[in-house]
Amino acid sequence: MTRELILRERFLDSLLEIEAYLSQYIGSKKARKFPSDVIGFISDIIANNPFAFMKYESRFPENANIRRAVFKNDYCIVYEVTDEKIDILNIYHTSRDPNEVLL
């Protein structure tokens, strides 16, 4: 089953913030590559097997199918799976408190 892949505005904003932060510490060339690596991971891995990653149960009702995938050991990608689509909700650094991350 092919699901529509939707990148939400909050996710895109967070991705740009991460890129800007990384450019200060690892250089702009490597930082510019980060968003494409994330999008590649989403389209190649999450889109093809969205249920491979753990449910994100702590903040959502039991019937919600919100999941999170860890990217490069440092970033959580939060997404919701339905029969028709995969909504990519946000991305955040694993050192952040998940309860403070807006979705």
C-alpha atoms as a PDB file:
ATOM      1  CA  MET A   1       0.000   0.000   0.000  1.00  0.00           C
ATOM      2  CA  THR A   2       1.342   3.388  -0.980  1.00  0.00           C
ATOM      3  CA  ARG A   3       0.535   6.167   1.449  1.00  0.00           C
ATOM      4  CA  GLU A   4       0.758   9.859   0.662  1.00  0.00           C
ATOM      5  CA  LEU A   5       3.733  11.433   2.425  1.00  0.00           C
ATOM      6  CA  ILE A   6       2.960  14.829   3.982  1.00  0.00           C
ATOM      7  CA  LEU A   7       5.638  17.073   5.469  1.00  0.00           C
ATOM      8  CA  ARG A   8       3.952  19.385   7.957  1.00  0.00           C
ATOM      9  CA  GLU A   9       5.000  23.005   8.402  1.00  0.00           C
ATOM     10  CA  ARG A  10       6.264  22.438  11.964  1.00  0.00           C
ATOM     11  CA  PHE A  11       8.525  19.644  10.699  1.00  0.00           C
ATOM     12  CA  LEU A  12       9.907  21.830   7.902  1.00  0.00           C
ATOM     13  CA  ASP A  13      10.482  24.742  10.291  1.00  0.00           C
ATOM     14  CA  SER A  14      12.284  22.462  12.767  1.00  0.00           C
ATOM     15  CA  LEU A  15      14.407  21.008   9.985  1.00  0.00           C
ATOM     16  CA  LEU A  16      15.528  24.488   8.928  1.00  0.00           C
ATOM     17  CA  GLU A  17      16.288  25.422  12.543  1.00  0.00           C
ATOM     18  CA  ILE A  18      18.439  22.306  12.930  1.00  0.00           C
ATOM     19  CA  GLU A  19      20.268  23.106   9.691  1.00  0.00           C
ATOM     20  CA  ALA A  20      20.971  26.662  10.895  1.00  0.00           C
ATOM     21  CA  TYR A  21      22.218  25.369  14.242  1.00  0.00           C
ATOM     22  CA  LEU A  22      24.443  22.749  12.616  1.00  0.00           C
ATOM     23  CA  SER A  23      25.957  25.279  10.234  1.00  0.00           C
ATOM     24  CA  GLN A  24      27.428  27.086  13.243  1.00  0.00           C
ATOM     25  CA  TYR A  25      29.141  23.949  14.546  1.00  0.00           C
ATOM     26  CA  ILE A  26      29.915  21.641  11.641  1.00  0.00           C
ATOM     27  CA  GLY A  27      30.061  24.077   8.738  1.00  0.00           C
ATOM     28  CA  SER A  28      27.484  25.153   6.237  1.00  0.00           C
ATOM     29  CA  LYS A  29      28.368  22.541   3.595  1.00  0.00           C
ATOM     30  CA  LYS A  30      27.681  19.598   5.917  1.00  0.00           C
ATOM     31  CA  ALA A  31      24.688  21.360   7.450  1.00  0.00           C
ATOM     32  CA  ARG A  32      23.091  21.890   4.024  1.00  0.00           C
ATOM     33  CA  LYS A  33      23.262  18.137   3.446  1.00  0.00           C
ATOM     34  CA  PHE A  34      21.321  17.360   6.635  1.00  0.00           C
ATOM     35  CA  PRO A  35      17.789  18.172   5.332  1.00  0.00           C
ATOM     36  CA  SER A  36      18.248  16.022   2.228  1.00  0.00           C
ATOM     37  CA  ASP A  37      19.550  13.154   4.380  1.00  0.00           C
ATOM     38  CA  VAL A  38      16.468  13.415   6.599  1.00  0.00           C
ATOM     39  CA  ILE A  39      14.083  13.563   3.626  1.00  0.00           C
ATOM     40  CA  GLY A  40      15.870  10.573   2.087  1.00  0.00           C
ATOM     41  CA  PHE A  41      15.468   8.609   5.329  1.00  0.00           C
ATOM     42  CA  ILE A  42      11.769   9.496   5.439  1.00  0.00           C
ATOM     43  CA  SER A  43      11.085   8.571   1.811  1.00  0.00           C
ATOM     44  CA  ASP A  44      13.274   5.448   1.742  1.00  0.00           C
ATOM     45  CA  ILE A  45      12.784   3.988   5.213  1.00  0.00           C
ATOM     46  CA  ILE A  46       9.705   5.409   6.963  1.00  0.00           C
ATOM     47  CA  ALA A  47       7.500   5.541   3.854  1.00  0.00           C
ATOM     48  CA  ASN A  48       8.291   1.930   2.963  1.00  0.00           C
ATOM     49  CA  ASN A  49       7.778   0.506   6.448  1.00  0.00           C
ATOM     50  CA  PRO A  50       6.044   3.047   8.714  1.00  0.00           C
ATOM     51  CA  PHE A  51       5.174   0.482  11.388  1.00  0.00           C
ATOM     52  CA  ALA A  52       8.801  -0.543  11.935  1.00  0.00           C
ATOM     53  CA  PHE A  53       9.283   2.202  14.501  1.00  0.00           C
ATOM     54  CA  MET A  54       7.964   2.413  18.034  1.00  0.00           C
ATOM     55  CA  LYS A  55       4.651   3.982  18.963  1.00  0.00           C
ATOM     56  CA  TYR A  56       4.876   7.343  20.678  1.00  0.00           C
ATOM     57  CA  GLU A  57       2.384   6.628  23.434  1.00  0.00           C
ATOM     58  CA  SER A  58       3.286   8.994  26.236  1.00  0.00           C
ATOM     59  CA  ARG A  59       1.523  12.072  24.875  1.00  0.00           C
ATOM     60  CA  PHE A  60      -1.255  10.759  22.678  1.00  0.00           C
ATOM     61  CA  PRO A  61      -4.475   8.769  23.005  1.00  0.00           C
ATOM     62  CA  GLU A  62      -4.076   5.024  22.714  1.00  0.00           C
ATOM     63  CA  ASN A  63      -5.916   4.910  19.383  1.00  0.00           C
ATOM     64  CA  ALA A  64      -3.585   7.445  17.738  1.00  0.00           C
ATOM     65  CA  ASN A  65      -0.947   5.860  15.551  1.00  0.00           C
ATOM     66  CA  ILE A  66       1.833   8.348  16.301  1.00  0.00           C
ATOM     67  CA  ARG A  67       5.314   6.915  15.930  1.00  0.00           C
ATOM     68  CA  ARG A  68       8.881   8.117  16.218  1.00  0.00           C
ATOM     69  CA  ALA A  69      11.945   7.058  14.317  1.00  0.00           C
ATOM     70  CA  VAL A  70      15.472   7.829  15.459  1.00  0.00           C
ATOM     71  CA  PHE A  71      17.684   9.304  12.755  1.00  0.00           C
ATOM     72  CA  LYS A  72      21.486   9.115  13.118  1.00  0.00           C
ATOM     73  CA  ASN A  73      21.139   8.439  16.881  1.00  0.00           C
ATOM     74  CA  ASP A  74      20.519  12.133  17.557  1.00  0.00           C
ATOM     75  CA  TYR A  75      17.146  13.126  16.095  1.00  0.00           C
ATOM     76  CA  CYS A  76      13.596  11.871  16.557  1.00  0.00           C
ATOM     77  CA  ILE A  77      11.230  12.120  13.633  1.00  0.00           C
ATOM     78  CA  VAL A  78       7.621  12.085  14.828  1.00  0.00           C
ATOM     79  CA  TYR A  79       4.926  10.997  12.400  1.00  0.00           C
ATOM     80  CA  GLU A  80       1.348   9.738  12.232  1.00  0.00           C
ATOM     81  CA  VAL A  81       0.269   6.814  10.077  1.00  0.00           C
ATOM     82  CA  THR A  82      -3.235   6.383   8.674  1.00  0.00           C
ATOM     83  CA  ASP A  83      -4.536   4.145   5.902  1.00  0.00           C
ATOM     84  CA  GLU A  84      -4.113   6.944   3.364  1.00  0.00           C
ATOM     85  CA  LYS A  85      -1.119   8.974   4.508  1.00  0.00           C
ATOM     86  CA  ILE A  86       1.978   9.434   6.613  1.00  0.00           C
ATOM     87  CA  ASP A  87       2.072  12.856   8.267  1.00  0.00           C
ATOM     88  CA  ILE A  88       5.585  13.891   9.259  1.00  0.00           C
ATOM     89  CA  LEU A  89       4.851  16.076  12.290  1.00  0.00           C
ATOM     90  CA  ASN A  90       8.204  17.169  13.700  1.00  0.00           C
ATOM     91  CA  ILE A  91      11.882  16.447  14.193  1.00  0.00           C
ATOM     92  CA  TYR A  92      13.844  17.200  17.349  1.00  0.00           C
ATOM     93  CA  HIS A  93      17.175  16.439  18.985  1.00  0.00           C
ATOM     94  CA  THR A  94      17.088  13.491  21.372  1.00  0.00           C
ATOM     95  CA  SER A  95      18.545  15.624  24.181  1.00  0.00           C
ATOM     96  CA  ARG A  96      15.335  17.674  24.288  1.00  0.00           C
ATOM     97  CA  ASP A  97      12.485  16.788  26.614  1.00  0.00           C
ATOM     98  CA  PRO A  98       9.866  15.118  24.376  1.00  0.00           C
ATOM     99  CA  ASN A  99       7.087  16.623  26.493  1.00  0.00           C
ATOM    100  CA  GLU A 100       8.237  20.116  25.547  1.00  0.00           C
ATOM    101  CA  VAL A 101       8.334  19.466  21.803  1.00  0.00           C
ATOM    102  CA  LEU A 102       5.358  20.909  19.977  1.00  0.00           C
ATOM    103  CA  LEU A 103       3.582  18.723  17.480  1.00  0.00           C
END
